Amino acid sequence: FRHPPKMLFPDVAWRRFHHDHLTLDLGPEEGITLTFLAKKPGPTM
């Protein structure tokens, strides 16, 4: 997926992460995975 138009959060994880993804696994292990960024537990964003 495309980046949001403006990045409001610290950019270190963003550069490493590149894109959020929807992955459709066809085999041998079959499934669907959504990969995205979430807040890491702690006092800072």
PDB file of all heavy atoms in Angstrom:
ATOM      1  N   PHE A   1       0.827  -1.206   0.000  1.00  0.00           N
ATOM      2  CA  PHE A   1       0.000   0.000   0.000  1.00  0.00           C
ATOM      3  C   PHE A   1       0.864   1.260   0.000  1.00  0.00           C
ATOM      4  O   PHE A   1       2.004   1.259   0.478  1.00  0.00           O
ATOM      5  CB  PHE A   1      -0.933  -0.010   1.215  1.00  0.00           C
ATOM      6  CG  PHE A   1      -2.003  -1.046   1.124  1.00  0.00           C
ATOM      7  CD1 PHE A   1      -1.822  -2.302   1.674  1.00  0.00           C
ATOM      8  CD2 PHE A   1      -3.189  -0.778   0.458  1.00  0.00           C
ATOM      9  CE1 PHE A   1      -2.808  -3.280   1.571  1.00  0.00           C
ATOM     10  CE2 PHE A   1      -4.181  -1.739   0.348  1.00  0.00           C
ATOM     11  CZ  PHE A   1      -3.995  -2.990   0.900  1.00  0.00           C
ATOM     12  N   ARG A   2       0.334   2.317  -0.540  1.00  0.00           N
ATOM     13  CA  ARG A   2       1.043   3.587  -0.595  1.00  0.00           C
ATOM     14  C   ARG A   2       1.222   4.162   0.809  1.00  0.00           C
ATOM     15  O   ARG A   2       0.449   3.881   1.734  1.00  0.00           O
ATOM     16  CB  ARG A   2       0.267   4.596  -1.448  1.00  0.00           C
ATOM     17  CG  ARG A   2       0.198   4.225  -2.922  1.00  0.00           C
ATOM     18  CD  ARG A   2      -0.378   5.373  -3.735  1.00  0.00           C
ATOM     19  NE  ARG A   2      -0.497   5.005  -5.138  1.00  0.00           N
ATOM     20  CZ  ARG A   2       0.499   5.016  -6.015  1.00  0.00           C
ATOM     21  NH1 ARG A   2       1.715   5.379  -5.611  1.00  0.00           N
ATOM     22  NH2 ARG A   2       0.305   4.671  -7.269  1.00  0.00           N
ATOM     23  N   HIS A   3       2.266   5.006   0.948  1.00  0.00           N
ATOM     24  CA  HIS A   3       2.450   5.731   2.195  1.00  0.00           C
ATOM     25  C   HIS A   3       1.317   6.732   2.392  1.00  0.00           C
ATOM     26  O   HIS A   3       0.757   7.250   1.423  1.00  0.00           O
ATOM     27  CB  HIS A   3       3.774   6.504   2.170  1.00  0.00           C
ATOM     28  CG  HIS A   3       4.975   5.632   2.050  1.00  0.00           C
ATOM     29  ND1 HIS A   3       5.162   4.499   2.810  1.00  0.00           N
ATOM     30  CD2 HIS A   3       6.083   5.739   1.267  1.00  0.00           C
ATOM     31  CE1 HIS A   3       6.320   3.944   2.503  1.00  0.00           C
ATOM     32  NE2 HIS A   3       6.898   4.671   1.559  1.00  0.00           N
ATOM     33  N   PRO A   4       0.982   7.021   3.636  1.00  0.00           N
ATOM     34  CA  PRO A   4       0.050   8.129   3.853  1.00  0.00           C
ATOM     35  C   PRO A   4       0.686   9.437   3.371  1.00  0.00           C
ATOM     36  O   PRO A   4       1.915   9.537   3.285  1.00  0.00           O
ATOM     37  CB  PRO A   4      -0.163   8.118   5.378  1.00  0.00           C
ATOM     38  CG  PRO A   4       0.989   7.369   5.935  1.00  0.00           C
ATOM     39  CD  PRO A   4       1.400   6.386   4.889  1.00  0.00           C
ATOM     40  N   PRO A   5      -0.121  10.435   3.054  1.00  0.00           N
ATOM     41  CA  PRO A   5       0.433  11.656   2.447  1.00  0.00           C
ATOM     42  C   PRO A   5       1.378  12.429   3.354  1.00  0.00           C
ATOM     43  O   PRO A   5       2.238  13.162   2.876  1.00  0.00           O
ATOM     44  CB  PRO A   5      -0.820  12.477   2.121  1.00  0.00           C
ATOM     45  CG  PRO A   5      -1.908  11.914   2.985  1.00  0.00           C
ATOM     46  CD  PRO A   5      -1.589  10.466   3.134  1.00  0.00           C
ATOM     47  N   LYS A   6       1.263  12.263   4.653  1.00  0.00           N
ATOM     48  CA  LYS A   6       2.165  12.953   5.584  1.00  0.00           C
ATOM     49  C   LYS A   6       2.474  12.025   6.749  1.00  0.00           C
ATOM     50  O   LYS A   6       1.582  11.413   7.318  1.00  0.00           O
ATOM     51  CB  LYS A   6       1.523  14.246   6.091  1.00  0.00           C
ATOM     52  CG  LYS A   6       2.411  15.043   7.037  1.00  0.00           C
ATOM     53  CD  LYS A   6       1.769  16.370   7.384  1.00  0.00           C
ATOM     54  CE  LYS A   6       2.593  17.124   8.442  1.00  0.00           C
ATOM     55  NZ  LYS A   6       3.959  17.424   7.963  1.00  0.00           N
ATOM     56  N   MET A   7       3.775  11.937   7.072  1.00  0.00           N
ATOM     57  CA  MET A   7       4.186  11.053   8.160  1.00  0.00           C
ATOM     58  C   MET A   7       4.289  11.865   9.449  1.00  0.00           C
ATOM     59  O   MET A   7       5.110  12.770   9.554  1.00  0.00           O
ATOM     60  CB  MET A   7       5.539  10.405   7.830  1.00  0.00           C
ATOM     61  CG  MET A   7       5.959   9.366   8.832  1.00  0.00           C
ATOM     62  SD  MET A   7       4.730   8.060   8.963  1.00  0.00           S
ATOM     63  CE  MET A   7       5.265   7.266  10.467  1.00  0.00           C
ATOM     64  N   LEU A   8       3.446  11.553  10.429  1.00  0.00           N
ATOM     65  CA  LEU A   8       3.381  12.320  11.667  1.00  0.00           C
ATOM     66  C   LEU A   8       4.238  11.736  12.781  1.00  0.00           C
ATOM     67  O   LEU A   8       4.353  12.335  13.848  1.00  0.00           O
ATOM     68  CB  LEU A   8       1.921  12.386  12.148  1.00  0.00           C
ATOM     69  CG  LEU A   8       0.925  13.024  11.175  1.00  0.00           C
ATOM     70  CD1 LEU A   8      -0.492  12.914  11.746  1.00  0.00           C
ATOM     71  CD2 LEU A   8       1.280  14.478  10.915  1.00  0.00           C
ATOM     72  N   PHE A   9       4.821  10.568  12.554  1.00  0.00           N
ATOM     73  CA  PHE A   9       5.509   9.849  13.614  1.00  0.00           C
ATOM     74  C   PHE A   9       7.013   9.830  13.341  1.00  0.00           C
ATOM     75  O   PHE A   9       7.470  10.103  12.229  1.00  0.00           O
ATOM     76  CB  PHE A   9       4.970   8.423  13.711  1.00  0.00           C
ATOM     77  CG  PHE A   9       3.478   8.371  13.947  1.00  0.00           C
ATOM     78  CD1 PHE A   9       2.593   8.226  12.887  1.00  0.00           C
ATOM     79  CD2 PHE A   9       2.979   8.501  15.227  1.00  0.00           C
ATOM     80  CE1 PHE A   9       1.229   8.201  13.109  1.00  0.00           C
ATOM     81  CE2 PHE A   9       1.617   8.467  15.459  1.00  0.00           C
ATOM     82  CZ  PHE A   9       0.734   8.323  14.400  1.00  0.00           C
ATOM     83  N   PRO A  10       7.826   9.470  14.350  1.00  0.00           N
ATOM     84  CA  PRO A  10       9.273   9.368  14.126  1.00  0.00           C
ATOM     85  C   PRO A  10       9.564   8.492  12.916  1.00  0.00           C
ATOM     86  O   PRO A  10       8.955   7.445  12.728  1.00  0.00           O
ATOM     87  CB  PRO A  10       9.777   8.740  15.431  1.00  0.00           C
ATOM     88  CG  PRO A  10       8.768   9.166  16.464  1.00  0.00           C
ATOM     89  CD  PRO A  10       7.454   9.190  15.750  1.00  0.00           C
ATOM     90  N   ASP A  11      10.525   8.901  12.108  1.00  0.00           N
ATOM     91  CA  ASP A  11      10.663   8.291  10.790  1.00  0.00           C
ATOM     92  C   ASP A  11      11.628   7.115  10.749  1.00  0.00           C
ATOM     93  O   ASP A  11      11.835   6.534   9.700  1.00  0.00           O
ATOM     94  CB  ASP A  11      11.114   9.337   9.770  1.00  0.00           C
ATOM     95  CG  ASP A  11      12.500   9.920  10.085  1.00  0.00           C
ATOM     96  OD1 ASP A  11      13.087   9.578  11.138  1.00  0.00           O
ATOM     97  OD2 ASP A  11      12.980  10.724   9.272  1.00  0.00           O
ATOM     98  N   VAL A  12      12.248   6.712  11.850  1.00  0.00           N
ATOM     99  CA  VAL A  12      13.210   5.606  11.804  1.00  0.00           C
ATOM    100  C   VAL A  12      12.514   4.309  11.426  1.00  0.00           C
ATOM    101  O   VAL A  12      12.903   3.604  10.482  1.00  0.00           O
ATOM    102  CB  VAL A  12      13.920   5.453  13.168  1.00  0.00           C
ATOM    103  CG1 VAL A  12      14.825   4.222  13.144  1.00  0.00           C
ATOM    104  CG2 VAL A  12      14.732   6.697  13.469  1.00  0.00           C
ATOM    105  N   ALA A  13      11.442   3.955  12.129  1.00  0.00           N
ATOM    106  CA  ALA A  13      10.698   2.729  11.814  1.00  0.00           C
ATOM    107  C   ALA A  13      10.077   2.812  10.427  1.00  0.00           C
ATOM    108  O   ALA A  13       9.979   1.819   9.712  1.00  0.00           O
ATOM    109  CB  ALA A  13       9.608   2.490  12.861  1.00  0.00           C
ATOM    110  N   TRP A  14       9.667   4.006  10.027  1.00  0.00           N
ATOM    111  CA  TRP A  14       9.035   4.174   8.720  1.00  0.00           C
ATOM    112  C   TRP A  14      10.007   3.811   7.598  1.00  0.00           C
ATOM    113  O   TRP A  14       9.675   3.095   6.666  1.00  0.00           O
ATOM    114  CB  TRP A  14       8.568   5.624   8.591  1.00  0.00           C
ATOM    115  CG  TRP A  14       7.862   5.923   7.316  1.00  0.00           C
ATOM    116  CD1 TRP A  14       8.359   6.595   6.245  1.00  0.00           C
ATOM    117  CD2 TRP A  14       6.542   5.537   6.963  1.00  0.00           C
ATOM    118  NE1 TRP A  14       7.419   6.671   5.251  1.00  0.00           N
ATOM    119  CE2 TRP A  14       6.296   6.029   5.670  1.00  0.00           C
ATOM    120  CE3 TRP A  14       5.532   4.827   7.615  1.00  0.00           C
ATOM    121  CZ2 TRP A  14       5.090   5.840   5.021  1.00  0.00           C
ATOM    122  CZ3 TRP A  14       4.341   4.646   6.969  1.00  0.00           C
ATOM    123  CH2 TRP A  14       4.125   5.148   5.692  1.00  0.00           C
ATOM    124  N   ARG A  15      11.240   4.317   7.696  1.00  0.00           N
ATOM    125  CA  ARG A  15      12.223   4.028   6.647  1.00  0.00           C
ATOM    126  C   ARG A  15      12.532   2.535   6.582  1.00  0.00           C
ATOM    127  O   ARG A  15      12.741   1.984   5.522  1.00  0.00           O
ATOM    128  CB  ARG A  15      13.502   4.824   6.919  1.00  0.00           C
ATOM    129  CG  ARG A  15      13.342   6.323   6.726  1.00  0.00           C
ATOM    130  CD  ARG A  15      14.699   6.995   6.601  1.00  0.00           C
ATOM    131  NE  ARG A  15      14.559   8.430   6.520  1.00  0.00           N
ATOM    132  CZ  ARG A  15      14.980   9.263   7.461  1.00  0.00           C
ATOM    133  NH1 ARG A  15      15.565   8.807   8.554  1.00  0.00           N
ATOM    134  NH2 ARG A  15      14.834  10.562   7.315  1.00  0.00           N
ATOM    135  N   ARG A  16      12.577   1.904   7.734  1.00  0.00           N
ATOM    136  CA  ARG A  16      12.889   0.479   7.764  1.00  0.00           C
ATOM    137  C   ARG A  16      11.708  -0.359   7.268  1.00  0.00           C
ATOM    138  O   ARG A  16      11.876  -1.409   6.682  1.00  0.00           O
ATOM    139  CB  ARG A  16      13.249   0.079   9.197  1.00  0.00           C
ATOM    140  CG  ARG A  16      13.744  -1.349   9.351  1.00  0.00           C
ATOM    141  CD  ARG A  16      14.219  -1.633  10.763  1.00  0.00           C
ATOM    142  NE  ARG A  16      13.131  -1.615  11.726  1.00  0.00           N
ATOM    143  CZ  ARG A  16      12.994  -0.699  12.678  1.00  0.00           C
ATOM    144  NH1 ARG A  16      13.870   0.299  12.790  1.00  0.00           N
ATOM    145  NH2 ARG A  16      11.971  -0.748  13.524  1.00  0.00           N
ATOM    146  N   PHE A  17      10.509   0.132   7.508  1.00  0.00           N
ATOM    147  CA  PHE A  17       9.302  -0.649   7.203  1.00  0.00           C
ATOM    148  C   PHE A  17       8.902  -0.571   5.730  1.00  0.00           C
ATOM    149  O   PHE A  17       8.363  -1.510   5.174  1.00  0.00           O
ATOM    150  CB  PHE A  17       8.154  -0.131   8.092  1.00  0.00           C
ATOM    151  CG  PHE A  17       6.908  -0.946   7.996  1.00  0.00           C
ATOM    152  CD1 PHE A  17       6.866  -2.224   8.530  1.00  0.00           C
ATOM    153  CD2 PHE A  17       5.773  -0.451   7.377  1.00  0.00           C
ATOM    154  CE1 PHE A  17       5.715  -2.992   8.467  1.00  0.00           C
ATOM    155  CE2 PHE A  17       4.617  -1.205   7.300  1.00  0.00           C
ATOM    156  CZ  PHE A  17       4.588  -2.468   7.847  1.00  0.00           C
ATOM    157  N   HIS A  18       9.122   0.544   5.095  1.00  0.00           N
ATOM    158  CA  HIS A  18       8.829   0.755   3.676  1.00  0.00           C
ATOM    159  C   HIS A  18       7.315   0.851   3.408  1.00  0.00           C
ATOM    160  O   HIS A  18       6.814   1.914   3.110  1.00  0.00           O
ATOM    161  CB  HIS A  18       9.463  -0.335   2.797  1.00  0.00           C
ATOM    162  CG  HIS A  18      10.939  -0.401   2.909  1.00  0.00           C
ATOM    163  ND1 HIS A  18      11.758   0.658   2.572  1.00  0.00           N
ATOM    164  CD2 HIS A  18      11.763  -1.385   3.339  1.00  0.00           C
ATOM    165  CE1 HIS A  18      13.024   0.335   2.788  1.00  0.00           C
ATOM    166  NE2 HIS A  18      13.064  -0.896   3.256  1.00  0.00           N
ATOM    167  N   HIS A  19       6.577  -0.273   3.397  1.00  0.00           N
ATOM    168  CA  HIS A  19       5.152  -0.253   3.050  1.00  0.00           C
ATOM    169  C   HIS A  19       4.376  -1.188   3.974  1.00  0.00           C
ATOM    170  O   HIS A  19       4.914  -2.192   4.457  1.00  0.00           O
ATOM    171  CB  HIS A  19       4.929  -0.738   1.610  1.00  0.00           C
ATOM    172  CG  HIS A  19       5.455   0.180   0.566  1.00  0.00           C
ATOM    173  ND1 HIS A  19       4.783   1.304   0.128  1.00  0.00           N
ATOM    174  CD2 HIS A  19       6.611   0.140  -0.145  1.00  0.00           C
ATOM    175  CE1 HIS A  19       5.487   1.917  -0.807  1.00  0.00           C
ATOM    176  NE2 HIS A  19       6.600   1.236  -0.979  1.00  0.00           N
ATOM    177  N   ASP A  20       3.096  -0.835   4.214  1.00  0.00           N
ATOM    178  CA  ASP A  20       2.226  -1.842   4.807  1.00  0.00           C
ATOM    179  C   ASP A  20       1.749  -2.771   3.696  1.00  0.00           C
ATOM    180  O   ASP A  20       1.578  -2.347   2.553  1.00  0.00           O
ATOM    181  CB  ASP A  20       1.048  -1.219   5.571  1.00  0.00           C
ATOM    182  CG  ASP A  20       0.409  -0.035   4.867  1.00  0.00           C
ATOM    183  OD1 ASP A  20       1.063   0.555   4.003  1.00  0.00           O
ATOM    184  OD2 ASP A  20      -0.749   0.285   5.184  1.00  0.00           O
ATOM    185  N   HIS A  21       1.578  -4.043   4.029  1.00  0.00           N
ATOM    186  CA  HIS A  21       1.344  -5.075   3.025  1.00  0.00           C
ATOM    187  C   HIS A  21       0.119  -5.920   3.365  1.00  0.00           C
ATOM    188  O   HIS A  21      -0.167  -6.175   4.528  1.00  0.00           O
ATOM    189  CB  HIS A  21       2.544  -6.037   2.934  1.00  0.00           C
ATOM    190  CG  HIS A  21       3.793  -5.427   2.395  1.00  0.00           C
ATOM    191  ND1 HIS A  21       4.680  -4.721   3.170  1.00  0.00           N
ATOM    192  CD2 HIS A  21       4.302  -5.432   1.143  1.00  0.00           C
ATOM    193  CE1 HIS A  21       5.696  -4.311   2.423  1.00  0.00           C
ATOM    194  NE2 HIS A  21       5.492  -4.729   1.195  1.00  0.00           N
ATOM    195  N   LEU A  22      -0.544  -6.389   2.314  1.00  0.00           N
ATOM    196  CA  LEU A  22      -1.506  -7.480   2.413  1.00  0.00           C
ATOM    197  C   LEU A  22      -0.914  -8.642   1.636  1.00  0.00           C
ATOM    198  O   LEU A  22      -0.683  -8.535   0.426  1.00  0.00           O
ATOM    199  CB  LEU A  22      -2.862  -7.084   1.826  1.00  0.00           C
ATOM    200  CG  LEU A  22      -3.945  -8.168   1.854  1.00  0.00           C
ATOM    201  CD1 LEU A  22      -4.342  -8.501   3.280  1.00  0.00           C
ATOM    202  CD2 LEU A  22      -5.171  -7.733   1.045  1.00  0.00           C
ATOM    203  N   THR A  23      -0.623  -9.749   2.321  1.00  0.00           N
ATOM    204  CA  THR A  23       0.031 -10.892   1.688  1.00  0.00           C
ATOM    205  C   THR A  23      -0.918 -12.081   1.660  1.00  0.00           C
ATOM    206  O   THR A  23      -1.466 -12.473   2.694  1.00  0.00           O
ATOM    207  CB  THR A  23       1.320 -11.279   2.447  1.00  0.00           C
ATOM    208  OG1 THR A  23       2.202 -10.155   2.471  1.00  0.00           O
ATOM    209  CG2 THR A  23       2.012 -12.450   1.772  1.00  0.00           C
ATOM    210  N   LEU A  24      -1.111 -12.627   0.469  1.00  0.00           N
ATOM    211  CA  LEU A  24      -1.960 -13.794   0.269  1.00  0.00           C
ATOM    212  C   LEU A  24      -1.046 -15.000   0.047  1.00  0.00           C
ATOM    213  O   LEU A  24      -0.436 -15.139  -1.016  1.00  0.00           O
ATOM    214  CB  LEU A  24      -2.873 -13.581  -0.940  1.00  0.00           C
ATOM    215  CG  LEU A  24      -3.595 -12.224  -1.000  1.00  0.00           C
ATOM    216  CD1 LEU A  24      -4.325 -12.062  -2.327  1.00  0.00           C
ATOM    217  CD2 LEU A  24      -4.551 -12.077   0.164  1.00  0.00           C
ATOM    218  N   ASP A  25      -0.905 -15.839   1.058  1.00  0.00           N
ATOM    219  CA  ASP A  25      -0.044 -17.024   0.954  1.00  0.00           C
ATOM    220  C   ASP A  25      -0.806 -18.145   0.259  1.00  0.00           C
ATOM    221  O   ASP A  25      -1.866 -18.580   0.733  1.00  0.00           O
ATOM    222  CB  ASP A  25       0.420 -17.484   2.333  1.00  0.00           C
ATOM    223  CG  ASP A  25       1.592 -16.666   2.842  1.00  0.00           C
ATOM    224  OD1 ASP A  25       2.594 -16.576   2.118  1.00  0.00           O
ATOM    225  OD2 ASP A  25       1.487 -16.104   3.945  1.00  0.00           O
ATOM    226  N   LEU A  26      -0.246 -18.645  -0.846  1.00  0.00           N
ATOM    227  CA  LEU A  26      -0.907 -19.668  -1.654  1.00  0.00           C
ATOM    228  C   LEU A  26      -0.427 -21.073  -1.336  1.00  0.00           C
ATOM    229  O   LEU A  26      -0.986 -22.040  -1.836  1.00  0.00           O
ATOM    230  CB  LEU A  26      -0.688 -19.369  -3.142  1.00  0.00           C
ATOM    231  CG  LEU A  26      -1.021 -17.942  -3.599  1.00  0.00           C
ATOM    232  CD1 LEU A  26      -0.755 -17.798  -5.086  1.00  0.00           C
ATOM    233  CD2 LEU A  26      -2.456 -17.588  -3.259  1.00  0.00           C
ATOM    234  N   GLY A  27       0.622 -21.201  -0.571  1.00  0.00           N
ATOM    235  CA  GLY A  27       1.111 -22.521  -0.202  1.00  0.00           C
ATOM    236  C   GLY A  27       2.627 -22.539  -0.101  1.00  0.00           C
ATOM    237  O   GLY A  27       3.299 -21.648  -0.610  1.00  0.00           O
ATOM    238  N   PRO A  28       3.173 -23.543   0.615  1.00  0.00           N
ATOM    239  CA  PRO A  28       2.458 -24.679   1.203  1.00  0.00           C
ATOM    240  C   PRO A  28       1.605 -24.311   2.426  1.00  0.00           C
ATOM    241  O   PRO A  28       0.646 -24.989   2.733  1.00  0.00           O
ATOM    242  CB  PRO A  28       3.577 -25.646   1.567  1.00  0.00           C
ATOM    243  CG  PRO A  28       4.770 -24.788   1.748  1.00  0.00           C
ATOM    244  CD  PRO A  28       4.628 -23.645   0.797  1.00  0.00           C
ATOM    245  N   GLU A  29       1.971 -23.253   3.168  1.00  0.00           N
ATOM    246  CA  GLU A  29       1.123 -22.774   4.259  1.00  0.00           C
ATOM    247  C   GLU A  29       0.198 -21.708   3.694  1.00  0.00           C
ATOM    248  O   GLU A  29       0.648 -20.707   3.149  1.00  0.00           O
ATOM    249  CB  GLU A  29       1.980 -22.234   5.406  1.00  0.00           C
ATOM    250  CG  GLU A  29       2.840 -23.303   6.080  1.00  0.00           C
ATOM    251  CD  GLU A  29       3.687 -22.738   7.200  1.00  0.00           C
ATOM    252  OE1 GLU A  29       3.555 -21.523   7.476  1.00  0.00           O
ATOM    253  OE2 GLU A  29       4.465 -23.496   7.789  1.00  0.00           O
ATOM    254  N   GLU A  30      -1.109 -21.920   3.831  1.00  0.00           N
ATOM    255  CA  GLU A  30      -2.083 -21.087   3.145  1.00  0.00           C
ATOM    256  C   GLU A  30      -2.752 -20.140   4.127  1.00  0.00           C
ATOM    257  O   GLU A  30      -3.233 -20.559   5.185  1.00  0.00           O
ATOM    258  CB  GLU A  30      -3.119 -21.978   2.457  1.00  0.00           C
ATOM    259  CG  GLU A  30      -2.487 -22.937   1.454  1.00  0.00           C
ATOM    260  CD  GLU A  30      -3.448 -24.001   0.958  1.00  0.00           C
ATOM    261  OE1 GLU A  30      -4.498 -24.206   1.597  1.00  0.00           O
ATOM    262  OE2 GLU A  30      -3.153 -24.619  -0.080  1.00  0.00           O
ATOM    263  N   GLY A  31      -2.795 -18.854   3.768  1.00  0.00           N
ATOM    264  CA  GLY A  31      -3.415 -17.897   4.659  1.00  0.00           C
ATOM    265  C   GLY A  31      -3.324 -16.487   4.123  1.00  0.00           C
ATOM    266  O   GLY A  31      -2.913 -16.251   2.978  1.00  0.00           O
ATOM    267  N   ILE A  32      -3.701 -15.526   4.956  1.00  0.00           N
ATOM    268  CA  ILE A  32      -3.688 -14.108   4.606  1.00  0.00           C
ATOM    269  C   ILE A  32      -3.069 -13.356   5.768  1.00  0.00           C
ATOM    270  O   ILE A  32      -3.449 -13.558   6.933  1.00  0.00           O
ATOM    271  CB  ILE A  32      -5.120 -13.583   4.349  1.00  0.00           C
ATOM    272  CG1 ILE A  32      -5.772 -14.361   3.202  1.00  0.00           C
ATOM    273  CG2 ILE A  32      -5.098 -12.083   4.030  1.00  0.00           C
ATOM    274  CD1 ILE A  32      -7.262 -14.064   3.048  1.00  0.00           C
ATOM    275  N   THR A  33      -2.110 -12.471   5.481  1.00  0.00           N
ATOM    276  CA  THR A  33      -1.432 -11.698   6.514  1.00  0.00           C
ATOM    277  C   THR A  33      -1.494 -10.217   6.173  1.00  0.00           C
ATOM    278  O   THR A  33      -1.190  -9.819   5.046  1.00  0.00           O
ATOM    279  CB  THR A  33       0.039 -12.123   6.658  1.00  0.00           C
ATOM    280  OG1 THR A  33       0.098 -13.522   6.971  1.00  0.00           O
ATOM    281  CG2 THR A  33       0.728 -11.340   7.765  1.00  0.00           C
ATOM    282  N   LEU A  34      -1.883  -9.412   7.138  1.00  0.00           N
ATOM    283  CA  LEU A  34      -1.856  -7.961   7.006  1.00  0.00           C
ATOM    284  C   LEU A  34      -0.730  -7.445   7.891  1.00  0.00           C
ATOM    285  O   LEU A  34      -0.707  -7.704   9.097  1.00  0.00           O
ATOM    286  CB  LEU A  34      -3.191  -7.354   7.433  1.00  0.00           C
ATOM    287  CG  LEU A  34      -3.364  -5.845   7.236  1.00  0.00           C
ATOM    288  CD1 LEU A  34      -3.275  -5.489   5.755  1.00  0.00           C
ATOM    289  CD2 LEU A  34      -4.686  -5.372   7.824  1.00  0.00           C
ATOM    290  N   THR A  35       0.230  -6.750   7.281  1.00  0.00           N
ATOM    291  CA  THR A  35       1.384  -6.214   8.000  1.00  0.00           C
ATOM    292  C   THR A  35       1.286  -4.693   8.020  1.00  0.00           C
ATOM    293  O   THR A  35       1.092  -4.072   6.972  1.00  0.00           O
ATOM    294  CB  THR A  35       2.695  -6.647   7.317  1.00  0.00           C
ATOM    295  OG1 THR A  35       2.716  -8.071   7.200  1.00  0.00           O
ATOM    296  CG2 THR A  35       3.897  -6.197   8.117  1.00  0.00           C
ATOM    297  N   PHE A  36       1.426  -4.108   9.202  1.00  0.00           N
ATOM    298  CA  PHE A  36       1.211  -2.663   9.339  1.00  0.00           C
ATOM    299  C   PHE A  36       2.046  -2.156  10.508  1.00  0.00           C
ATOM    300  O   PHE A  36       2.688  -2.926  11.229  1.00  0.00           O
ATOM    301  CB  PHE A  36      -0.278  -2.374   9.568  1.00  0.00           C
ATOM    302  CG  PHE A  36      -0.868  -3.131  10.727  1.00  0.00           C
ATOM    303  CD1 PHE A  36      -0.959  -2.560  11.986  1.00  0.00           C
ATOM    304  CD2 PHE A  36      -1.314  -4.444  10.562  1.00  0.00           C
ATOM    305  CE1 PHE A  36      -1.490  -3.259  13.062  1.00  0.00           C
ATOM    306  CE2 PHE A  36      -1.855  -5.160  11.630  1.00  0.00           C
ATOM    307  CZ  PHE A  36      -1.934  -4.566  12.884  1.00  0.00           C
ATOM    308  N   LEU A  37       2.040  -0.843  10.708  1.00  0.00           N
ATOM    309  CA  LEU A  37       2.752  -0.239  11.825  1.00  0.00           C
ATOM    310  C   LEU A  37       1.796   0.007  12.983  1.00  0.00           C
ATOM    311  O   LEU A  37       0.662   0.446  12.791  1.00  0.00           O
ATOM    312  CB  LEU A  37       3.385   1.083  11.390  1.00  0.00           C
ATOM    313  CG  LEU A  37       4.622   0.961  10.484  1.00  0.00           C
ATOM    314  CD1 LEU A  37       5.009   2.314   9.955  1.00  0.00           C
ATOM    315  CD2 LEU A  37       5.783   0.313  11.222  1.00  0.00           C
ATOM    316  N   ALA A  38       2.269  -0.269  14.191  1.00  0.00           N
ATOM    317  CA  ALA A  38       1.495  -0.029  15.406  1.00  0.00           C
ATOM    318  C   ALA A  38       2.397   0.654  16.434  1.00  0.00           C
ATOM    319  O   ALA A  38       3.629   0.640  16.305  1.00  0.00           O
ATOM    320  CB  ALA A  38       0.949  -1.335  15.957  1.00  0.00           C
ATOM    321  N   LYS A  39       1.791   1.242  17.441  1.00  0.00           N
ATOM    322  CA  LYS A  39       2.577   1.901  18.486  1.00  0.00           C
ATOM    323  C   LYS A  39       3.268   0.865  19.371  1.00  0.00           C
ATOM    324  O   LYS A  39       2.661  -0.099  19.820  1.00  0.00           O
ATOM    325  CB  LYS A  39       1.692   2.791  19.348  1.00  0.00           C
ATOM    326  CG  LYS A  39       2.468   3.500  20.459  1.00  0.00           C
ATOM    327  CD  LYS A  39       1.551   4.252  21.383  1.00  0.00           C
ATOM    328  CE  LYS A  39       2.335   4.879  22.535  1.00  0.00           C
ATOM    329  NZ  LYS A  39       3.020   3.907  23.387  1.00  0.00           N
ATOM    330  N   LYS A  40       4.538   1.085  19.593  1.00  0.00           N
ATOM    331  CA  LYS A  40       5.304   0.228  20.486  1.00  0.00           C
ATOM    332  C   LYS A  40       4.984   0.607  21.935  1.00  0.00           C
ATOM    333  O   LYS A  40       4.930   1.799  22.264  1.00  0.00           O
ATOM    334  CB  LYS A  40       6.792   0.418  20.216  1.00  0.00           C
ATOM    335  CG  LYS A  40       7.697  -0.577  20.888  1.00  0.00           C
ATOM    336  CD  LYS A  40       9.129  -0.362  20.411  1.00  0.00           C
ATOM    337  CE  LYS A  40      10.062  -1.394  21.018  1.00  0.00           C
ATOM    338  NZ  LYS A  40      11.456  -1.194  20.527  1.00  0.00           N
ATOM    339  N   PRO A  41       4.687  -0.380  22.801  1.00  0.00           N
ATOM    340  CA  PRO A  41       4.365  -0.030  24.188  1.00  0.00           C
ATOM    341  C   PRO A  41       5.469   0.802  24.835  1.00  0.00           C
ATOM    342  O   PRO A  41       6.656   0.524  24.663  1.00  0.00           O
ATOM    343  CB  PRO A  41       4.222  -1.390  24.871  1.00  0.00           C
ATOM    344  CG  PRO A  41       3.876  -2.328  23.762  1.00  0.00           C
ATOM    345  CD  PRO A  41       4.606  -1.818  22.564  1.00  0.00           C
ATOM    346  N   GLY A  42       5.060   1.831  25.559  1.00  0.00           N
ATOM    347  CA  GLY A  42       6.031   2.690  26.225  1.00  0.00           C
ATOM    348  C   GLY A  42       5.557   4.120  26.302  1.00  0.00           C
ATOM    349  O   GLY A  42       4.506   4.475  25.756  1.00  0.00           O
ATOM    350  N   PRO A  43       6.323   4.971  26.942  1.00  0.00           N
ATOM    351  CA  PRO A  43       5.886   6.360  27.180  1.00  0.00           C
ATOM    352  C   PRO A  43       5.976   7.254  25.953  1.00  0.00           C
ATOM    353  O   PRO A  43       5.382   8.337  25.938  1.00  0.00           O
ATOM    354  CB  PRO A  43       6.830   6.836  28.283  1.00  0.00           C
ATOM    355  CG  PRO A  43       8.069   6.010  28.087  1.00  0.00           C
ATOM    356  CD  PRO A  43       7.598   4.668  27.609  1.00  0.00           C
ATOM    357  N   THR A  44       6.740   6.852  24.925  1.00  0.00           N
ATOM    358  CA  THR A  44       6.899   7.694  23.740  1.00  0.00           C
ATOM    359  C   THR A  44       6.193   7.052  22.549  1.00  0.00           C
ATOM    360  O   THR A  44       5.921   5.855  22.539  1.00  0.00           O
ATOM    361  CB  THR A  44       8.385   7.902  23.406  1.00  0.00           C
ATOM    362  OG1 THR A  44       8.983   6.619  23.150  1.00  0.00           O
ATOM    363  CG2 THR A  44       9.095   8.602  24.561  1.00  0.00           C
ATOM    364  N   MET A  45       5.935   7.908  21.547  1.00  0.00           N
ATOM    365  CA  MET A  45       5.259   7.432  20.339  1.00  0.00           C
ATOM    366  C   MET A  45       6.283   6.824  19.375  1.00  0.00           C
ATOM    367  O   MET A  45       6.824   7.501  18.502  1.00  0.00           O
ATOM    368  CB  MET A  45       4.494   8.578  19.682  1.00  0.00           C
ATOM    369  CG  MET A  45       3.699   8.157  18.447  1.00  0.00           C
ATOM    370  SD  MET A  45       2.433   6.905  18.767  1.00  0.00           S
ATOM    371  CE  MET A  45       1.180   7.881  19.575  1.00  0.00           C
TER     372      MET A  45
END
